[in-house]
Amino acid sequence: VLLFLFIGAGFALPGTWEARGTRVIEAPPEALFGFLDGPEGWRRWT
């Protein structure tokens, strides 16, 4: 019964989420953009 209630409540929960991050970096946008517009750039910092 408890397992059924746990799973039933799980179906009622939203499966979505939102996340945010902000940071000021001492570099111009053009210098940062090269780390964002391609997968190899992302691999350097994530």
PDB file of all heavy atoms in Angstrom:
ATOM      1  N   VAL A   1       0.844  -1.201   0.000  1.00  0.00           N
ATOM      2  CA  VAL A   1       0.000   0.000   0.000  1.00  0.00           C
ATOM      3  C   VAL A   1       0.877   1.249   0.000  1.00  0.00           C
ATOM      4  O   VAL A   1       0.632   2.206  -0.757  1.00  0.00           O
ATOM      5  CB  VAL A   1      -0.978  -0.012   1.202  1.00  0.00           C
ATOM      6  CG1 VAL A   1      -1.653   1.342   1.381  1.00  0.00           C
ATOM      7  CG2 VAL A   1      -2.021  -1.103   1.016  1.00  0.00           C
ATOM      8  N   LEU A   2       1.903   1.266   0.854  1.00  0.00           N
ATOM      9  CA  LEU A   2       2.805   2.430   0.900  1.00  0.00           C
ATOM     10  C   LEU A   2       3.523   2.631  -0.433  1.00  0.00           C
ATOM     11  O   LEU A   2       3.661   3.765  -0.904  1.00  0.00           O
ATOM     12  CB  LEU A   2       3.809   2.277   2.040  1.00  0.00           C
ATOM     13  CG  LEU A   2       3.237   2.424   3.447  1.00  0.00           C
ATOM     14  CD1 LEU A   2       4.308   2.125   4.489  1.00  0.00           C
ATOM     15  CD2 LEU A   2       2.641   3.806   3.643  1.00  0.00           C
ATOM     16  N   LEU A   3       3.982   1.553  -1.046  1.00  0.00           N
ATOM     17  CA  LEU A   3       4.645   1.655  -2.347  1.00  0.00           C
ATOM     18  C   LEU A   3       3.683   2.199  -3.399  1.00  0.00           C
ATOM     19  O   LEU A   3       4.033   3.068  -4.195  1.00  0.00           O
ATOM     20  CB  LEU A   3       5.199   0.297  -2.777  1.00  0.00           C
ATOM     21  CG  LEU A   3       5.917   0.263  -4.128  1.00  0.00           C
ATOM     22  CD1 LEU A   3       7.148   1.175  -4.100  1.00  0.00           C
ATOM     23  CD2 LEU A   3       6.321  -1.160  -4.476  1.00  0.00           C
ATOM     24  N   PHE A   4       2.455   1.706  -3.392  1.00  0.00           N
ATOM     25  CA  PHE A   4       1.443   2.192  -4.328  1.00  0.00           C
ATOM     26  C   PHE A   4       1.202   3.688  -4.132  1.00  0.00           C
ATOM     27  O   PHE A   4       1.128   4.455  -5.099  1.00  0.00           O
ATOM     28  CB  PHE A   4       0.145   1.397  -4.132  1.00  0.00           C
ATOM     29  CG  PHE A   4      -0.975   1.853  -5.007  1.00  0.00           C
ATOM     30  CD1 PHE A   4      -0.993   1.540  -6.356  1.00  0.00           C
ATOM     31  CD2 PHE A   4      -2.011   2.628  -4.488  1.00  0.00           C
ATOM     32  CE1 PHE A   4      -2.026   1.967  -7.179  1.00  0.00           C
ATOM     33  CE2 PHE A   4      -3.036   3.061  -5.301  1.00  0.00           C
ATOM     34  CZ  PHE A   4      -3.054   2.737  -6.650  1.00  0.00           C
ATOM     35  N   LEU A   5       1.092   4.130  -2.878  1.00  0.00           N
ATOM     36  CA  LEU A   5       0.893   5.558  -2.594  1.00  0.00           C
ATOM     37  C   LEU A   5       2.106   6.389  -3.032  1.00  0.00           C
ATOM     38  O   LEU A   5       1.952   7.483  -3.591  1.00  0.00           O
ATOM     39  CB  LEU A   5       0.613   5.772  -1.107  1.00  0.00           C
ATOM     40  CG  LEU A   5      -0.731   5.248  -0.598  1.00  0.00           C
ATOM     41  CD1 LEU A   5      -0.812   5.367   0.916  1.00  0.00           C
ATOM     42  CD2 LEU A   5      -1.879   5.977  -1.277  1.00  0.00           C
ATOM     43  N   PHE A   6       3.323   5.881  -2.787  1.00  0.00           N
ATOM     44  CA  PHE A   6       4.546   6.576  -3.171  1.00  0.00           C
ATOM     45  C   PHE A   6       4.605   6.758  -4.690  1.00  0.00           C
ATOM     46  O   PHE A   6       4.875   7.852  -5.193  1.00  0.00           O
ATOM     47  CB  PHE A   6       5.769   5.788  -2.676  1.00  0.00           C
ATOM     48  CG  PHE A   6       7.081   6.376  -3.059  1.00  0.00           C
ATOM     49  CD1 PHE A   6       7.620   7.439  -2.349  1.00  0.00           C
ATOM     50  CD2 PHE A   6       7.813   5.862  -4.125  1.00  0.00           C
ATOM     51  CE1 PHE A   6       8.846   7.980  -2.695  1.00  0.00           C
ATOM     52  CE2 PHE A   6       9.038   6.393  -4.477  1.00  0.00           C
ATOM     53  CZ  PHE A   6       9.553   7.459  -3.755  1.00  0.00           C
ATOM     54  N   ILE A   7       4.340   5.696  -5.428  1.00  0.00           N
ATOM     55  CA  ILE A   7       4.377   5.771  -6.896  1.00  0.00           C
ATOM     56  C   ILE A   7       3.235   6.647  -7.411  1.00  0.00           C
ATOM     57  O   ILE A   7       3.420   7.461  -8.311  1.00  0.00           O
ATOM     58  CB  ILE A   7       4.350   4.363  -7.513  1.00  0.00           C
ATOM     59  CG1 ILE A   7       5.675   3.653  -7.217  1.00  0.00           C
ATOM     60  CG2 ILE A   7       4.097   4.422  -9.017  1.00  0.00           C
ATOM     61  CD1 ILE A   7       5.727   2.211  -7.639  1.00  0.00           C
ATOM     62  N   GLY A   8       2.060   6.515  -6.820  1.00  0.00           N
ATOM     63  CA  GLY A   8       0.931   7.345  -7.225  1.00  0.00           C
ATOM     64  C   GLY A   8       1.220   8.824  -7.033  1.00  0.00           C
ATOM     65  O   GLY A   8       0.921   9.651  -7.901  1.00  0.00           O
ATOM     66  N   ALA A   9       1.819   9.175  -5.893  1.00  0.00           N
ATOM     67  CA  ALA A   9       2.184  10.574  -5.647  1.00  0.00           C
ATOM     68  C   ALA A   9       3.251  11.021  -6.647  1.00  0.00           C
ATOM     69  O   ALA A   9       3.240  12.169  -7.111  1.00  0.00           O
ATOM     70  CB  ALA A   9       2.692  10.741  -4.219  1.00  0.00           C
ATOM     71  N   GLY A  10       4.162  10.133  -7.010  1.00  0.00           N
ATOM     72  CA  GLY A  10       5.192  10.465  -7.996  1.00  0.00           C
ATOM     73  C   GLY A  10       4.603  10.826  -9.343  1.00  0.00           C
ATOM     74  O   GLY A  10       5.083  11.724 -10.033  1.00  0.00           O
ATOM     75  N   PHE A  11       3.534  10.149  -9.742  1.00  0.00           N
ATOM     76  CA  PHE A  11       2.863  10.483 -10.999  1.00  0.00           C
ATOM     77  C   PHE A  11       2.242  11.873 -10.936  1.00  0.00           C
ATOM     78  O   PHE A  11       2.115  12.552 -11.944  1.00  0.00           O
ATOM     79  CB  PHE A  11       1.791   9.450 -11.356  1.00  0.00           C
ATOM     80  CG  PHE A  11       2.325   8.240 -12.047  1.00  0.00           C
ATOM     81  CD1 PHE A  11       2.218   6.991 -11.456  1.00  0.00           C
ATOM     82  CD2 PHE A  11       2.933   8.330 -13.285  1.00  0.00           C
ATOM     83  CE1 PHE A  11       2.707   5.856 -12.081  1.00  0.00           C
ATOM     84  CE2 PHE A  11       3.429   7.199 -13.925  1.00  0.00           C
ATOM     85  CZ  PHE A  11       3.306   5.963 -13.323  1.00  0.00           C
ATOM     86  N   ALA A  12       1.823  12.289  -9.740  1.00  0.00           N
ATOM     87  CA  ALA A  12       1.191  13.597  -9.581  1.00  0.00           C
ATOM     88  C   ALA A  12       2.217  14.740  -9.555  1.00  0.00           C
ATOM     89  O   ALA A  12       1.861  15.892  -9.780  1.00  0.00           O
ATOM     90  CB  ALA A  12       0.360  13.624  -8.303  1.00  0.00           C
ATOM     91  N   LEU A  13       3.475  14.426  -9.288  1.00  0.00           N
ATOM     92  CA  LEU A  13       4.503  15.467  -9.225  1.00  0.00           C
ATOM     93  C   LEU A  13       4.916  15.906 -10.629  1.00  0.00           C
ATOM     94  O   LEU A  13       4.955  15.086 -11.546  1.00  0.00           O
ATOM     95  CB  LEU A  13       5.745  14.941  -8.491  1.00  0.00           C
ATOM     96  CG  LEU A  13       5.556  14.634  -7.017  1.00  0.00           C
ATOM     97  CD1 LEU A  13       6.807  13.951  -6.471  1.00  0.00           C
ATOM     98  CD2 LEU A  13       5.268  15.911  -6.237  1.00  0.00           C
ATOM     99  N   PRO A  14       5.249  17.186 -10.785  1.00  0.00           N
ATOM    100  CA  PRO A  14       5.737  17.620 -12.098  1.00  0.00           C
ATOM    101  C   PRO A  14       7.127  17.043 -12.344  1.00  0.00           C
ATOM    102  O   PRO A  14       7.940  16.957 -11.441  1.00  0.00           O
ATOM    103  CB  PRO A  14       5.779  19.139 -11.985  1.00  0.00           C
ATOM    104  CG  PRO A  14       5.934  19.403 -10.515  1.00  0.00           C
ATOM    105  CD  PRO A  14       5.215  18.281  -9.820  1.00  0.00           C
ATOM    106  N   GLY A  15       7.395  16.654 -13.560  1.00  0.00           N
ATOM    107  CA  GLY A  15       8.711  16.121 -13.910  1.00  0.00           C
ATOM    108  C   GLY A  15       9.610  17.194 -14.503  1.00  0.00           C
ATOM    109  O   GLY A  15      10.642  16.880 -15.078  1.00  0.00           O
ATOM    110  N   THR A  16       9.225  18.447 -14.358  1.00  0.00           N
ATOM    111  CA  THR A  16       9.996  19.542 -14.960  1.00  0.00           C
ATOM    112  C   THR A  16      10.774  20.300 -13.902  1.00  0.00           C
ATOM    113  O   THR A  16      10.444  20.262 -12.719  1.00  0.00           O
ATOM    114  CB  THR A  16       9.064  20.523 -15.699  1.00  0.00           C
ATOM    115  OG1 THR A  16       8.117  21.043 -14.762  1.00  0.00           O
ATOM    116  CG2 THR A  16       8.335  19.822 -16.836  1.00  0.00           C
ATOM    117  N   TRP A  17      11.800  21.003 -14.344  1.00  0.00           N
ATOM    118  CA  TRP A  17      12.618  21.817 -13.449  1.00  0.00           C
ATOM    119  C   TRP A  17      13.199  22.990 -14.218  1.00  0.00           C
ATOM    120  O   TRP A  17      13.228  22.987 -15.449  1.00  0.00           O
ATOM    121  CB  TRP A  17      13.731  20.979 -12.810  1.00  0.00           C
ATOM    122  CG  TRP A  17      14.549  20.191 -13.782  1.00  0.00           C
ATOM    123  CD1 TRP A  17      14.305  18.922 -14.204  1.00  0.00           C
ATOM    124  CD2 TRP A  17      15.712  20.624 -14.484  1.00  0.00           C
ATOM    125  NE1 TRP A  17      15.250  18.545 -15.118  1.00  0.00           N
ATOM    126  CE2 TRP A  17      16.132  19.563 -15.303  1.00  0.00           C
ATOM    127  CE3 TRP A  17      16.446  21.799 -14.493  1.00  0.00           C
ATOM    128  CZ2 TRP A  17      17.250  19.647 -16.124  1.00  0.00           C
ATOM    129  CZ3 TRP A  17      17.562  21.874 -15.312  1.00  0.00           C
ATOM    130  CH2 TRP A  17      17.953  20.803 -16.115  1.00  0.00           C
ATOM    131  N   GLU A  18      13.637  24.003 -13.477  1.00  0.00           N
ATOM    132  CA  GLU A  18      14.299  25.179 -14.034  1.00  0.00           C
ATOM    133  C   GLU A  18      15.508  25.496 -13.166  1.00  0.00           C
ATOM    134  O   GLU A  18      15.439  25.383 -11.954  1.00  0.00           O
ATOM    135  CB  GLU A  18      13.360  26.390 -14.032  1.00  0.00           C
ATOM    136  CG  GLU A  18      12.169  26.241 -14.924  1.00  0.00           C
ATOM    137  CD  GLU A  18      11.260  27.468 -14.884  1.00  0.00           C
ATOM    138  OE1 GLU A  18      11.624  28.480 -14.234  1.00  0.00           O
ATOM    139  OE2 GLU A  18      10.191  27.411 -15.493  1.00  0.00           O
ATOM    140  N   ALA A  19      16.589  25.898 -13.796  1.00  0.00           N
ATOM    141  CA  ALA A  19      17.799  26.260 -13.062  1.00  0.00           C
ATOM    142  C   ALA A  19      18.413  27.509 -13.688  1.00  0.00           C
ATOM    143  O   ALA A  19      18.236  27.752 -14.885  1.00  0.00           O
ATOM    144  CB  ALA A  19      18.802  25.107 -13.081  1.00  0.00           C
ATOM    145  N   ARG A  20      19.124  28.270 -12.858  1.00  0.00           N
ATOM    146  CA  ARG A  20      19.747  29.510 -13.330  1.00  0.00           C
ATOM    147  C   ARG A  20      21.100  29.711 -12.666  1.00  0.00           C
ATOM    148  O   ARG A  20      21.302  29.332 -11.524  1.00  0.00           O
ATOM    149  CB  ARG A  20      18.874  30.712 -12.984  1.00  0.00           C
ATOM    150  CG  ARG A  20      17.600  30.786 -13.765  1.00  0.00           C
ATOM    151  CD  ARG A  20      16.716  31.940 -13.293  1.00  0.00           C
ATOM    152  NE  ARG A  20      15.535  32.046 -14.106  1.00  0.00           N
ATOM    153  CZ  ARG A  20      14.517  31.207 -14.082  1.00  0.00           C
ATOM    154  NH1 ARG A  20      14.550  30.178 -13.280  1.00  0.00           N
ATOM    155  NH2 ARG A  20      13.465  31.381 -14.858  1.00  0.00           N
ATOM    156  N   GLY A  21      21.981  30.340 -13.408  1.00  0.00           N
ATOM    157  CA  GLY A  21      23.262  30.751 -12.871  1.00  0.00           C
ATOM    158  C   GLY A  21      23.659  32.080 -13.509  1.00  0.00           C
ATOM    159  O   GLY A  21      23.342  32.324 -14.675  1.00  0.00           O
ATOM    160  N   THR A  22      24.313  32.932 -12.745  1.00  0.00           N
ATOM    161  CA  THR A  22      24.758  34.232 -13.244  1.00  0.00           C
ATOM    162  C   THR A  22      26.134  34.521 -12.673  1.00  0.00           C
ATOM    163  O   THR A  22      26.402  34.216 -11.513  1.00  0.00           O
ATOM    164  CB  THR A  22      23.779  35.349 -12.812  1.00  0.00           C
ATOM    165  OG1 THR A  22      22.484  35.036 -13.294  1.00  0.00           O
ATOM    166  CG2 THR A  22      24.198  36.693 -13.367  1.00  0.00           C
ATOM    167  N   ARG A  23      26.980  35.123 -13.503  1.00  0.00           N
ATOM    168  CA  ARG A  23      28.324  35.495 -13.041  1.00  0.00           C
ATOM    169  C   ARG A  23      28.853  36.619 -13.919  1.00  0.00           C
ATOM    170  O   ARG A  23      28.654  36.612 -15.123  1.00  0.00           O
ATOM    171  CB  ARG A  23      29.254  34.298 -13.116  1.00  0.00           C
ATOM    172  CG  ARG A  23      30.614  34.540 -12.477  1.00  0.00           C
ATOM    173  CD  ARG A  23      31.417  33.248 -12.475  1.00  0.00           C
ATOM    174  NE  ARG A  23      32.553  33.342 -11.602  1.00  0.00           N
ATOM    175  CZ  ARG A  23      32.562  33.034 -10.320  1.00  0.00           C
ATOM    176  NH1 ARG A  23      31.469  32.614  -9.743  1.00  0.00           N
ATOM    177  NH2 ARG A  23      33.659  33.145  -9.614  1.00  0.00           N
ATOM    178  N   VAL A  24      29.540  37.572 -13.289  1.00  0.00           N
ATOM    179  CA  VAL A  24      30.229  38.613 -14.044  1.00  0.00           C
ATOM    180  C   VAL A  24      31.660  38.139 -14.251  1.00  0.00           C
ATOM    181  O   VAL A  24      32.352  37.779 -13.301  1.00  0.00           O
ATOM    182  CB  VAL A  24      30.200  39.970 -13.312  1.00  0.00           C
ATOM    183  CG1 VAL A  24      31.071  40.987 -14.038  1.00  0.00           C
ATOM    184  CG2 VAL A  24      28.772  40.473 -13.190  1.00  0.00           C
ATOM    185  N   ILE A  25      32.078  38.118 -15.516  1.00  0.00           N
ATOM    186  CA  ILE A  25      33.424  37.665 -15.880  1.00  0.00           C
ATOM    187  C   ILE A  25      34.159  38.825 -16.527  1.00  0.00           C
ATOM    188  O   ILE A  25      33.619  39.491 -17.411  1.00  0.00           O
ATOM    189  CB  ILE A  25      33.347  36.453 -16.837  1.00  0.00           C
ATOM    190  CG1 ILE A  25      32.644  35.286 -16.124  1.00  0.00           C
ATOM    191  CG2 ILE A  25      34.741  36.043 -17.314  1.00  0.00           C
ATOM    192  CD1 ILE A  25      32.425  34.059 -16.983  1.00  0.00           C
ATOM    193  N   GLU A  26      35.377  39.049 -16.085  1.00  0.00           N
ATOM    194  CA  GLU A  26      36.174  40.161 -16.604  1.00  0.00           C
ATOM    195  C   GLU A  26      36.759  39.806 -17.962  1.00  0.00           C
ATOM    196  O   GLU A  26      37.971  39.595 -18.106  1.00  0.00           O
ATOM    197  CB  GLU A  26      37.257  40.546 -15.603  1.00  0.00           C
ATOM    198  CG  GLU A  26      36.686  41.133 -14.334  1.00  0.00           C
ATOM    199  CD  GLU A  26      37.768  41.533 -13.334  1.00  0.00           C
ATOM    200  OE1 GLU A  26      38.965  41.531 -13.689  1.00  0.00           O
ATOM    201  OE2 GLU A  26      37.392  41.845 -12.198  1.00  0.00           O
ATOM    202  N   ALA A  27      35.887  39.753 -18.941  1.00  0.00           N
ATOM    203  CA  ALA A  27      36.265  39.476 -20.333  1.00  0.00           C
ATOM    204  C   ALA A  27      35.126  40.001 -21.199  1.00  0.00           C
ATOM    205  O   ALA A  27      33.970  39.990 -20.776  1.00  0.00           O
ATOM    206  CB  ALA A  27      36.471  37.984 -20.555  1.00  0.00           C
ATOM    207  N   PRO A  28      35.428  40.432 -22.414  1.00  0.00           N
ATOM    208  CA  PRO A  28      34.360  40.908 -23.294  1.00  0.00           C
ATOM    209  C   PRO A  28      33.510  39.747 -23.806  1.00  0.00           C
ATOM    210  O   PRO A  28      33.971  38.600 -23.860  1.00  0.00           O
ATOM    211  CB  PRO A  28      35.120  41.588 -24.433  1.00  0.00           C
ATOM    212  CG  PRO A  28      36.463  40.951 -24.434  1.00  0.00           C
ATOM    213  CD  PRO A  28      36.762  40.568 -23.015  1.00  0.00           C
ATOM    214  N   PRO A  29      32.265  40.027 -24.208  1.00  0.00           N
ATOM    215  CA  PRO A  29      31.391  38.957 -24.708  1.00  0.00           C
ATOM    216  C   PRO A  29      32.032  38.153 -25.845  1.00  0.00           C
ATOM    217  O   PRO A  29      31.888  36.929 -25.889  1.00  0.00           O
ATOM    218  CB  PRO A  29      30.147  39.703 -25.200  1.00  0.00           C
ATOM    219  CG  PRO A  29      30.113  40.949 -24.377  1.00  0.00           C
ATOM    220  CD  PRO A  29      31.555  41.312 -24.162  1.00  0.00           C
ATOM    221  N   GLU A  30      32.736  38.821 -26.750  1.00  0.00           N
ATOM    222  CA  GLU A  30      33.345  38.125 -27.891  1.00  0.00           C
ATOM    223  C   GLU A  30      34.340  37.060 -27.421  1.00  0.00           C
ATOM    224  O   GLU A  30      34.444  35.978 -28.006  1.00  0.00           O
ATOM    225  CB  GLU A  30      34.024  39.135 -28.809  1.00  0.00           C
ATOM    226  CG  GLU A  30      34.478  38.558 -30.126  1.00  0.00           C
ATOM    227  CD  GLU A  30      33.340  38.068 -31.016  1.00  0.00           C
ATOM    228  OE1 GLU A  30      32.315  38.760 -31.137  1.00  0.00           O
ATOM    229  OE2 GLU A  30      33.488  36.966 -31.587  1.00  0.00           O
ATOM    230  N   ALA A  31      35.078  37.342 -26.348  1.00  0.00           N
ATOM    231  CA  ALA A  31      36.049  36.374 -25.828  1.00  0.00           C
ATOM    232  C   ALA A  31      35.354  35.162 -25.206  1.00  0.00           C
ATOM    233  O   ALA A  31      35.875  34.046 -25.260  1.00  0.00           O
ATOM    234  CB  ALA A  31      36.953  37.040 -24.800  1.00  0.00           C
ATOM    235  N   LEU A  32      34.187  35.363 -24.630  1.00  0.00           N
ATOM    236  CA  LEU A  32      33.452  34.256 -24.006  1.00  0.00           C
ATOM    237  C   LEU A  32      32.668  33.445 -25.023  1.00  0.00           C
ATOM    238  O   LEU A  32      32.458  32.244 -24.839  1.00  0.00           O
ATOM    239  CB  LEU A  32      32.491  34.804 -22.947  1.00  0.00           C
ATOM    240  CG  LEU A  32      33.141  35.513 -21.769  1.00  0.00           C
ATOM    241  CD1 LEU A  32      32.076  36.125 -20.878  1.00  0.00           C
ATOM    242  CD2 LEU A  32      34.034  34.562 -20.994  1.00  0.00           C
ATOM    243  N   PHE A  33      32.245  34.092 -26.092  1.00  0.00           N
ATOM    244  CA  PHE A  33      31.367  33.440 -27.053  1.00  0.00           C
ATOM    245  C   PHE A  33      31.999  32.187 -27.661  1.00  0.00           C
ATOM    246  O   PHE A  33      31.314  31.201 -27.911  1.00  0.00           O
ATOM    247  CB  PHE A  33      30.978  34.430 -28.163  1.00  0.00           C
ATOM    248  CG  PHE A  33      29.825  33.964 -28.983  1.00  0.00           C
ATOM    249  CD1 PHE A  33      28.530  34.103 -28.519  1.00  0.00           C
ATOM    250  CD2 PHE A  33      30.022  33.373 -30.218  1.00  0.00           C
ATOM    251  CE1 PHE A  33      27.449  33.670 -29.274  1.00  0.00           C
ATOM    252  CE2 PHE A  33      28.957  32.940 -30.981  1.00  0.00           C
ATOM    253  CZ  PHE A  33      27.663  33.089 -30.504  1.00  0.00           C
ATOM    254  N   GLY A  34      33.310  32.197 -27.867  1.00  0.00           N
ATOM    255  CA  GLY A  34      34.002  31.039 -28.425  1.00  0.00           C
ATOM    256  C   GLY A  34      33.936  29.794 -27.548  1.00  0.00           C
ATOM    257  O   GLY A  34      34.148  28.680 -28.017  1.00  0.00           O
ATOM    258  N   PHE A  35      33.607  29.962 -26.271  1.00  0.00           N
ATOM    259  CA  PHE A  35      33.441  28.816 -25.368  1.00  0.00           C
ATOM    260  C   PHE A  35      31.998  28.317 -25.348  1.00  0.00           C
ATOM    261  O   PHE A  35      31.691  27.345 -24.674  1.00  0.00           O
ATOM    262  CB  PHE A  35      33.837  29.199 -23.939  1.00  0.00           C
ATOM    263  CG  PHE A  35      35.289  29.520 -23.798  1.00  0.00           C
ATOM    264  CD1 PHE A  35      35.708  30.834 -23.700  1.00  0.00           C
ATOM    265  CD2 PHE A  35      36.242  28.515 -23.782  1.00  0.00           C
ATOM    266  CE1 PHE A  35      37.048  31.141 -23.574  1.00  0.00           C
ATOM    267  CE2 PHE A  35      37.583  28.815 -23.655  1.00  0.00           C
ATOM    268  CZ  PHE A  35      37.992  30.129 -23.555  1.00  0.00           C
ATOM    269  N   LEU A  36      31.103  28.986 -26.078  1.00  0.00           N
ATOM    270  CA  LEU A  36      29.675  28.691 -26.009  1.00  0.00           C
ATOM    271  C   LEU A  36      29.058  28.201 -27.305  1.00  0.00           C
ATOM    272  O   LEU A  36      28.030  27.534 -27.283  1.00  0.00           O
ATOM    273  CB  LEU A  36      28.911  29.952 -25.569  1.00  0.00           C
ATOM    274  CG  LEU A  36      29.326  30.563 -24.238  1.00  0.00           C
ATOM    275  CD1 LEU A  36      28.629  31.894 -24.047  1.00  0.00           C
ATOM    276  CD2 LEU A  36      29.018  29.610 -23.104  1.00  0.00           C
ATOM    277  N   ASP A  37      29.628  28.553 -28.447  1.00  0.00           N
ATOM    278  CA  ASP A  37      28.945  28.279 -29.714  1.00  0.00           C
ATOM    279  C   ASP A  37      29.350  26.965 -30.367  1.00  0.00           C
ATOM    280  O   ASP A  37      28.969  26.688 -31.492  1.00  0.00           O
ATOM    281  CB  ASP A  37      29.122  29.438 -30.693  1.00  0.00           C
ATOM    282  CG  ASP A  37      30.542  29.573 -31.200  1.00  0.00           C
ATOM    283  OD1 ASP A  37      31.475  29.065 -30.535  1.00  0.00           O
ATOM    284  OD2 ASP A  37      30.726  30.204 -32.259  1.00  0.00           O
ATOM    285  N   GLY A  38      30.091  26.126 -29.641  1.00  0.00           N
ATOM    286  CA  GLY A  38      30.483  24.827 -30.172  1.00  0.00           C
ATOM    287  C   GLY A  38      30.770  23.843 -29.048  1.00  0.00           C
ATOM    288  O   GLY A  38      31.185  24.230 -27.956  1.00  0.00           O
ATOM    289  N   PRO A  39      30.563  22.556 -29.296  1.00  0.00           N
ATOM    290  CA  PRO A  39      30.776  21.542 -28.264  1.00  0.00           C
ATOM    291  C   PRO A  39      32.189  21.534 -27.673  1.00  0.00           C
ATOM    292  O   PRO A  39      32.359  21.322 -26.475  1.00  0.00           O
ATOM    293  CB  PRO A  39      30.478  20.223 -28.982  1.00  0.00           C
ATOM    294  CG  PRO A  39      29.556  20.599 -30.093  1.00  0.00           C
ATOM    295  CD  PRO A  39      29.995  21.967 -30.514  1.00  0.00           C
ATOM    296  N   GLU A  40      33.210  21.764 -28.487  1.00  0.00           N
ATOM    297  CA  GLU A  40      34.580  21.735 -27.947  1.00  0.00           C
ATOM    298  C   GLU A  40      34.789  22.843 -26.928  1.00  0.00           C
ATOM    299  O   GLU A  40      35.504  22.666 -25.944  1.00  0.00           O
ATOM    300  CB  GLU A  40      35.611  21.806 -29.069  1.00  0.00           C
ATOM    301  CG  GLU A  40      35.795  20.488 -29.795  1.00  0.00           C
ATOM    302  CD  GLU A  40      36.106  19.317 -28.862  1.00  0.00           C
ATOM    303  OE1 GLU A  40      37.009  19.432 -28.005  1.00  0.00           O
ATOM    304  OE2 GLU A  40      35.433  18.283 -28.987  1.00  0.00           O
ATOM    305  N   GLY A  41      34.186  23.993 -27.148  1.00  0.00           N
ATOM    306  CA  GLY A  41      34.257  25.074 -26.164  1.00  0.00           C
ATOM    307  C   GLY A  41      33.602  24.669 -24.856  1.00  0.00           C
ATOM    308  O   GLY A  41      34.145  24.899 -23.778  1.00  0.00           O
ATOM    309  N   TRP A  42      32.437  24.037 -24.936  1.00  0.00           N
ATOM    310  CA  TRP A  42      31.741  23.587 -23.728  1.00  0.00           C
ATOM    311  C   TRP A  42      32.554  22.551 -22.964  1.00  0.00           C
ATOM    312  O   TRP A  42      32.544  22.538 -21.735  1.00  0.00           O
ATOM    313  CB  TRP A  42      30.368  23.006 -24.095  1.00  0.00           C
ATOM    314  CG  TRP A  42      29.339  24.053 -24.366  1.00  0.00           C
ATOM    315  CD1 TRP A  42      29.189  24.763 -25.513  1.00  0.00           C
ATOM    316  CD2 TRP A  42      28.338  24.518 -23.474  1.00  0.00           C
ATOM    317  NE1 TRP A  42      28.145  25.636 -25.393  1.00  0.00           N
ATOM    318  CE2 TRP A  42      27.596  25.497 -24.152  1.00  0.00           C
ATOM    319  CE3 TRP A  42      27.984  24.186 -22.170  1.00  0.00           C
ATOM    320  CZ2 TRP A  42      26.526  26.166 -23.557  1.00  0.00           C
ATOM    321  CZ3 TRP A  42      26.904  24.842 -21.590  1.00  0.00           C
ATOM    322  CH2 TRP A  42      26.202  25.820 -22.280  1.00  0.00           C
ATOM    323  N   ARG A  43      33.252  21.693 -23.662  1.00  0.00           N
ATOM    324  CA  ARG A  43      34.052  20.651 -22.992  1.00  0.00           C
ATOM    325  C   ARG A  43      35.184  21.249 -22.175  1.00  0.00           C
ATOM    326  O   ARG A  43      35.685  20.611 -21.254  1.00  0.00           O
ATOM    327  CB  ARG A  43      34.610  19.668 -24.021  1.00  0.00           C
ATOM    328  CG  ARG A  43      33.494  18.785 -24.597  1.00  0.00           C
ATOM    329  CD  ARG A  43      34.031  17.646 -25.378  1.00  0.00           C
ATOM    330  NE  ARG A  43      34.679  16.717 -24.440  1.00  0.00           N
ATOM    331  CZ  ARG A  43      35.499  15.770 -24.820  1.00  0.00           C
ATOM    332  NH1 ARG A  43      35.784  15.604 -26.090  1.00  0.00           N
ATOM    333  NH2 ARG A  43      36.045  14.968 -23.940  1.00  0.00           N
ATOM    334  N   ARG A  44      35.575  22.465 -22.475  1.00  0.00           N
ATOM    335  CA  ARG A  44      36.675  23.100 -21.720  1.00  0.00           C
ATOM    336  C   ARG A  44      36.234  23.570 -20.344  1.00  0.00           C
ATOM    337  O   ARG A  44      37.067  23.735 -19.461  1.00  0.00           O
ATOM    338  CB  ARG A  44      37.253  24.271 -22.508  1.00  0.00           C
ATOM    339  CG  ARG A  44      37.860  23.794 -23.801  1.00  0.00           C
ATOM    340  CD  ARG A  44      39.091  24.457 -24.291  1.00  0.00           C
ATOM    341  NE  ARG A  44      39.979  25.056 -23.356  1.00  0.00           N
ATOM    342  CZ  ARG A  44      40.572  26.224 -23.558  1.00  0.00           C
ATOM    343  NH1 ARG A  44      40.324  26.905 -24.665  1.00  0.00           N
ATOM    344  NH2 ARG A  44      41.409  26.717 -22.678  1.00  0.00           N
ATOM    345  N   TRP A  45      34.935  23.810 -20.155  1.00  0.00           N
ATOM    346  CA  TRP A  45      34.517  24.369 -18.864  1.00  0.00           C
ATOM    347  C   TRP A  45      33.337  23.655 -18.209  1.00  0.00           C
ATOM    348  O   TRP A  45      32.939  24.009 -17.104  1.00  0.00           O
ATOM    349  CB  TRP A  45      34.225  25.860 -19.002  1.00  0.00           C
ATOM    350  CG  TRP A  45      33.132  26.212 -19.969  1.00  0.00           C
ATOM    351  CD1 TRP A  45      33.219  26.278 -21.325  1.00  0.00           C
ATOM    352  CD2 TRP A  45      31.776  26.541 -19.642  1.00  0.00           C
ATOM    353  NE1 TRP A  45      32.008  26.626 -21.859  1.00  0.00           N
ATOM    354  CE2 TRP A  45      31.103  26.809 -20.850  1.00  0.00           C
ATOM    355  CE3 TRP A  45      31.074  26.654 -18.453  1.00  0.00           C
ATOM    356  CZ2 TRP A  45      29.777  27.168 -20.907  1.00  0.00           C
ATOM    357  CZ3 TRP A  45      29.740  27.010 -18.499  1.00  0.00           C
ATOM    358  CH2 TRP A  45      29.114  27.267 -19.732  1.00  0.00           C
ATOM    359  N   THR A  46      32.793  22.630 -18.853  1.00  0.00           N
ATOM    360  CA  THR A  46      31.732  21.832 -18.232  1.00  0.00           C
ATOM    361  C   THR A  46      32.131  20.358 -18.270  1.00  0.00           C
ATOM    362  O   THR A  46      33.053  19.976 -18.987  1.00  0.00           O
ATOM    363  CB  THR A  46      30.385  22.030 -18.965  1.00  0.00           C
ATOM    364  OG1 THR A  46      30.537  21.693 -20.343  1.00  0.00           O
ATOM    365  CG2 THR A  46      29.885  23.458 -18.838  1.00  0.00           C
TER     366      THR A  46
END
